[in-house]
């Protein structure tokens, strides 16, 4: 029976990626599962063997292996990728796998593009079309409904028979753990950044997920979430140097109780 330590962290925040990089450097797992698309497996293994980080970026850029804009992807992933570079020279026998469904990466990029278009449209017209916002989130959730199950199977098949496995995932950590529980694995779930205050677009996905699960439609709730996301983009993202600064400013204004726990680069804060 394998043991999997799941580390859940919010996407796009570099502070979370930095913390995860420290964990990678200090851990001694038998296998490392990274939340990158499976078609990057060969490149990531080359990086782990010591190939230059710039070579990986060139290959990703030239082959369009991740959705544009590449800068946003690099902003999030760079600390972890640098922690992985050359790791096989120090930790021989370590297996490294990218486990995300490649189709999900494209779905996520398309969803982000659709939301960006809705933000632009609302900024120009001053109106929020609730049906369009609901349709964008619903389409993404329905198209990616079985993704976690497939990814859990991929991880479970490669982790059995190994002593200790580390798996990096997004803030869907509890749901991912539940999917893995079907495979008779011992697990521990650690949230790398807590407390974490969900952004409006993440709240929108949760709201529509509840509706898909049978809850009543709530147009006013969707409208309010859409307005909050538009404000988040216009007042924070577009006026900040990077996403971390935007998020921290937003947290300071929206949930100041969370700010002091996010800014320090300390160790994981919660295990379940």
Protein backbone atom coordinates (compact mmCIF):
# COMPACT_ATOMS: atom_id res chain seq x y z
CA UNK A 1 0.00 0.00 0.00
CA UNK A 2 1.38 3.40 -0.99
CA UNK A 3 1.30 6.59 1.04
CA UNK A 4 0.45 9.90 -0.63
CA UNK A 5 0.98 13.28 0.94
CA UNK A 6 -1.23 15.71 -0.94
CA UNK A 7 -0.23 19.37 -0.92
CA UNK A 8 -3.05 21.69 -1.98
CA UNK A 9 -2.26 25.27 -2.98
CA UNK A 10 -4.08 28.08 -4.77
CA UNK A 11 -3.29 28.53 -8.43
CA UNK A 12 -1.57 31.69 -9.64
CA UNK A 13 -0.14 32.78 -6.28
CA UNK A 14 3.64 32.80 -6.37
CA UNK A 15 3.87 32.89 -2.57
CA UNK A 16 2.21 29.45 -2.53
CA UNK A 17 4.55 28.18 -5.24
CA UNK A 18 7.55 29.39 -3.23
CA UNK A 19 6.36 27.51 -0.17
CA UNK A 20 5.84 24.37 -2.23
CA UNK A 21 9.33 24.72 -3.70
CA UNK A 22 10.77 24.69 -0.18
CA UNK A 23 8.83 21.52 0.59
CA UNK A 24 10.12 19.83 -2.57
CA UNK A 25 13.72 20.65 -1.67
CA UNK A 26 13.41 19.39 1.89
CA UNK A 27 11.42 16.20 1.24
CA UNK A 28 12.59 12.69 0.38
CA UNK A 29 9.70 11.11 -1.55
CA UNK A 30 9.86 8.06 -3.80
CA UNK A 31 7.61 9.76 -6.35
CA UNK A 32 6.55 13.34 -7.06
CA UNK A 33 3.31 14.13 -8.88
CA UNK A 34 3.05 17.67 -10.26
CA UNK A 35 -0.13 19.38 -11.40
CA UNK A 36 1.13 19.93 -14.93
CA UNK A 37 -0.34 18.38 -18.10
CA UNK A 38 0.78 14.86 -18.89
CA UNK A 39 2.23 15.88 -22.25
CA UNK A 40 4.98 17.74 -20.35
CA UNK A 41 6.29 14.55 -18.71
CA UNK A 42 9.39 14.20 -20.91
CA UNK A 43 10.35 17.86 -20.56
CA UNK A 44 9.92 17.88 -16.79
CA UNK A 45 11.99 14.73 -16.46
CA UNK A 46 14.72 16.36 -18.55
CA UNK A 47 14.59 19.35 -16.22
CA UNK A 48 14.85 17.03 -13.23
CA UNK A 49 17.96 15.53 -14.81
CA UNK A 50 19.51 18.99 -14.98
CA UNK A 51 18.68 20.53 -18.36
CA UNK A 52 18.68 24.35 -18.31
CA UNK A 53 15.47 25.99 -17.15
CA UNK A 54 15.63 28.32 -20.17
CA UNK A 55 15.64 25.27 -22.47
CA UNK A 56 12.37 24.10 -20.95
CA UNK A 57 10.82 27.54 -21.45
CA UNK A 58 11.99 27.64 -25.08
CA UNK A 59 10.49 24.22 -25.77
CA UNK A 60 7.22 25.14 -24.10
CA UNK A 61 7.07 28.42 -26.04
CA UNK A 62 8.04 27.03 -29.44
CA UNK A 63 5.75 24.01 -29.22
CA UNK A 64 2.81 25.82 -27.59
CA UNK A 65 2.73 23.16 -24.89
CA UNK A 66 0.88 25.38 -22.43
CA UNK A 67 -1.82 27.95 -23.20
CA UNK A 68 -0.82 31.57 -23.63
CA UNK A 69 0.10 33.81 -21.98
CA UNK A 70 3.25 31.90 -21.08
CA UNK A 71 4.33 34.61 -18.64
CA UNK A 72 1.42 33.90 -16.35
CA UNK A 73 2.21 30.18 -16.34
CA UNK A 74 5.89 30.85 -15.63
CA UNK A 75 5.01 33.29 -12.85
CA UNK A 76 3.14 30.57 -11.00
CA UNK A 77 5.35 27.59 -11.78
CA UNK A 78 8.91 28.98 -11.80
CA UNK A 79 9.73 28.42 -8.09
CA UNK A 80 8.62 24.80 -8.22
CA UNK A 81 10.31 24.15 -11.57
CA UNK A 82 13.59 25.55 -10.26
CA UNK A 83 13.26 23.30 -7.20
CA UNK A 84 12.81 20.32 -9.51
CA UNK A 85 15.74 21.19 -11.79
CA UNK A 86 18.55 18.69 -11.23
CA UNK A 87 16.69 16.93 -8.42
CA UNK A 88 17.42 13.49 -9.90
CA UNK A 89 21.12 14.13 -9.44
CA UNK A 90 20.54 14.52 -5.70
CA UNK A 91 17.68 12.10 -5.16
CA UNK A 92 18.38 9.09 -7.35
CA UNK A 93 15.48 6.73 -7.82
CA UNK A 94 12.89 9.49 -7.54
CA UNK A 95 10.05 9.18 -10.06
CA UNK A 96 8.46 12.39 -11.36
CA UNK A 97 5.11 12.53 -13.11
CA UNK A 98 2.91 15.27 -14.54
CA UNK A 99 -0.63 14.03 -13.98
CA UNK A 100 -3.10 16.69 -15.13
CA UNK A 101 -5.36 15.80 -18.03
CA UNK A 102 -4.13 17.76 -21.04
CA UNK A 103 -7.73 18.47 -22.07
CA UNK A 104 -8.40 20.12 -18.70
CA UNK A 105 -5.57 22.60 -19.23
CA UNK A 106 -7.20 23.77 -22.45
CA UNK A 107 -10.62 23.90 -20.82
CA UNK A 108 -9.22 26.08 -18.03
CA UNK A 109 -7.59 28.42 -20.54
CA UNK A 110 -10.82 28.68 -22.55
CA UNK A 111 -12.80 29.39 -19.38
CA UNK A 112 -10.38 32.17 -18.41
CA UNK A 113 -10.65 33.65 -21.91
CA UNK A 114 -14.45 33.54 -21.78
CA UNK A 115 -14.52 35.28 -18.41
CA UNK A 116 -12.07 37.93 -19.63
CA UNK A 117 -14.37 38.61 -22.56
CA UNK A 118 -17.35 38.95 -20.21
CA UNK A 119 -15.40 41.38 -18.02
CA UNK A 120 -14.55 43.48 -21.07
CA UNK A 121 -18.14 43.43 -22.30
CA UNK A 122 -19.46 44.49 -18.90
CA UNK A 123 -16.87 47.26 -18.68
CA UNK A 124 -17.96 48.63 -22.06
CA UNK A 125 -21.73 48.26 -21.67
CA UNK A 126 -22.03 48.65 -17.90
CA UNK A 127 -24.28 45.58 -17.88
CA UNK A 128 -23.84 42.03 -16.55
CA UNK A 129 -25.62 39.25 -18.42
CA UNK A 130 -26.19 36.62 -15.74
CA UNK A 131 -27.01 33.92 -18.29
CA UNK A 132 -23.66 34.40 -20.04
CA UNK A 133 -21.70 34.18 -16.78
CA UNK A 134 -23.62 31.10 -15.70
CA UNK A 135 -23.15 29.47 -19.11
CA UNK A 136 -19.38 30.06 -19.05
CA UNK A 137 -18.98 28.44 -15.62
CA UNK A 138 -21.46 25.67 -16.36
CA UNK A 139 -19.75 24.76 -19.63
CA UNK A 140 -16.39 24.52 -17.91
CA UNK A 141 -17.68 22.45 -15.00
CA UNK A 142 -19.65 20.04 -17.18
CA UNK A 143 -16.79 19.52 -19.63
CA UNK A 144 -14.32 18.81 -16.84
CA UNK A 145 -16.65 16.78 -14.60
CA UNK A 146 -14.70 13.51 -14.74
CA UNK A 147 -11.23 15.06 -14.75
CA UNK A 148 -10.44 14.46 -11.07
CA UNK A 149 -11.42 10.79 -11.35
CA UNK A 150 -9.09 10.27 -14.30
CA UNK A 151 -6.23 12.11 -12.60
CA UNK A 152 -6.72 10.17 -9.37
CA UNK A 153 -6.51 6.90 -11.31
CA UNK A 154 -3.32 8.09 -13.01
CA UNK A 155 -1.70 8.95 -9.68
CA UNK A 156 -2.93 5.82 -7.89
CA UNK A 157 -1.61 3.47 -10.55
CA UNK A 158 1.88 4.97 -10.32
CA UNK A 159 2.04 5.39 -6.56
CA UNK A 160 1.23 1.86 -5.43
CA UNK A 161 4.24 -0.08 -4.24
CA UNK A 162 6.16 3.08 -3.41
CA UNK A 163 6.86 4.10 0.16
CA UNK A 164 6.12 7.83 0.05
CA UNK A 165 4.56 9.90 -2.68
CA UNK A 166 4.03 13.65 -2.86
CA UNK A 167 1.21 15.00 -4.99
CA UNK A 168 0.76 18.72 -5.68
CA UNK A 169 -2.75 19.86 -6.52
CA UNK A 170 -4.94 22.95 -6.48
CA UNK A 171 -7.43 23.96 -3.83
CA UNK A 172 -9.63 21.01 -4.81
CA UNK A 173 -7.42 18.96 -2.49
CA UNK A 174 -10.25 17.46 -0.42
CA UNK A 175 -12.19 16.38 -3.52
CA UNK A 176 -9.02 14.91 -5.01
CA UNK A 177 -8.33 13.02 -1.80
CA UNK A 178 -11.86 11.62 -1.93
CA UNK A 179 -11.27 10.37 -5.48
CA UNK A 180 -8.00 8.72 -4.41
CA UNK A 181 -9.67 7.05 -1.43
CA UNK A 182 -11.16 4.46 -3.78
CA UNK A 183 -7.70 3.00 -4.37
CA UNK A 184 -6.89 1.85 -0.82
CA UNK A 185 -4.07 4.33 -0.30
CA UNK A 186 -2.93 5.97 2.90
CA UNK A 187 -3.14 9.74 2.53
CA UNK A 188 -2.51 13.01 4.31
CA UNK A 189 -3.79 16.34 3.00
CA UNK A 190 -1.88 19.56 3.69
CA UNK A 191 -3.07 23.03 2.69
CA UNK A 192 0.01 25.08 1.92
CA UNK A 193 -1.61 28.51 2.32
CA UNK A 194 -4.23 29.05 4.99
CA UNK A 195 -6.39 30.88 5.61
CA UNK A 196 -7.16 31.30 1.93
CA UNK A 197 -9.88 33.67 0.79
CA UNK A 198 -11.47 32.46 -2.44
CA UNK A 199 -11.56 34.95 -5.30
CA UNK A 200 -14.89 35.86 -6.93
CA UNK A 201 -14.31 33.64 -9.96
CA UNK A 202 -13.61 30.67 -7.70
CA UNK A 203 -16.79 31.46 -5.77
CA UNK A 204 -18.70 31.60 -9.06
CA UNK A 205 -17.52 28.10 -9.98
CA UNK A 206 -18.63 26.84 -6.57
CA UNK A 207 -22.00 28.51 -6.90
CA UNK A 208 -22.69 27.02 -10.32
CA UNK A 209 -21.39 23.67 -9.07
CA UNK A 210 -24.07 23.76 -6.37
CA UNK A 211 -26.71 24.54 -8.99
CA UNK A 212 -25.53 21.61 -11.10
CA UNK A 213 -25.81 19.49 -7.96
CA UNK A 214 -29.49 20.36 -7.58
CA UNK A 215 -29.54 23.66 -5.69
CA UNK A 216 -31.96 26.32 -6.89
CA UNK A 217 -30.76 28.89 -9.41
CA UNK A 218 -29.84 32.16 -7.79
CA UNK A 219 -29.53 34.88 -10.41
CA UNK A 220 -28.92 37.62 -7.85
CA UNK A 221 -26.06 35.66 -6.31
CA UNK A 222 -24.45 35.10 -9.73
CA UNK A 223 -24.91 38.79 -10.58
CA UNK A 224 -23.23 39.90 -7.36
CA UNK A 225 -20.31 37.49 -7.85
CA UNK A 226 -19.82 38.70 -11.42
CA UNK A 227 -19.75 42.31 -10.22
CA UNK A 228 -17.18 41.41 -7.57
CA UNK A 229 -14.98 39.73 -10.15
CA UNK A 230 -15.16 42.73 -12.46
CA UNK A 231 -14.14 44.94 -9.56
CA UNK A 232 -11.32 42.54 -8.64
CA UNK A 233 -9.92 42.75 -12.17
CA UNK A 234 -10.33 46.50 -12.66
CA UNK A 235 -9.41 47.75 -9.19
CA UNK A 236 -6.72 45.25 -8.22
CA UNK A 237 -5.33 43.08 -11.05
CA UNK A 238 -4.96 45.88 -13.61
CA UNK A 239 -3.47 48.31 -11.08
CA UNK A 240 -0.89 45.98 -9.52
CA UNK A 241 2.59 44.84 -10.53
CA UNK A 242 1.68 41.17 -10.34
CA UNK A 243 -1.09 38.83 -9.25
CA UNK A 244 0.25 38.36 -5.70
CA UNK A 245 0.19 42.10 -5.10
CA UNK A 246 -3.33 42.31 -6.52
CA UNK A 247 -4.55 39.45 -4.37
CA UNK A 248 -2.97 40.80 -1.18
CA UNK A 249 -4.44 44.26 -1.75
CA UNK A 250 -7.82 42.69 -2.34
CA UNK A 251 -7.54 40.54 0.78
CA UNK A 252 -6.52 43.59 2.82
CA UNK A 253 -9.68 45.39 1.71
CA UNK A 254 -12.00 42.37 1.77
CA UNK A 255 -10.73 40.00 4.44
CA UNK A 256 -7.94 41.65 6.46
CA UNK A 257 -7.96 38.74 8.93
CA UNK A 258 -6.36 36.55 6.23
CA UNK A 259 -3.56 38.88 5.15
CA UNK A 260 -1.14 38.27 8.01
CA UNK A 261 -1.23 34.53 7.39
CA UNK A 262 -0.53 34.86 3.65
CA UNK A 263 2.41 37.24 3.50
CA UNK A 264 5.03 35.27 5.50
CA UNK A 265 6.91 32.55 3.62
CA UNK A 266 6.42 29.99 6.37
CA UNK A 267 5.66 26.28 6.51
CA UNK A 268 2.34 24.57 5.67
CA UNK A 269 -0.41 25.60 8.03
CA UNK A 270 -3.03 22.85 8.09
CA UNK A 271 -3.16 19.10 7.77
CA UNK A 272 -6.29 16.97 7.50
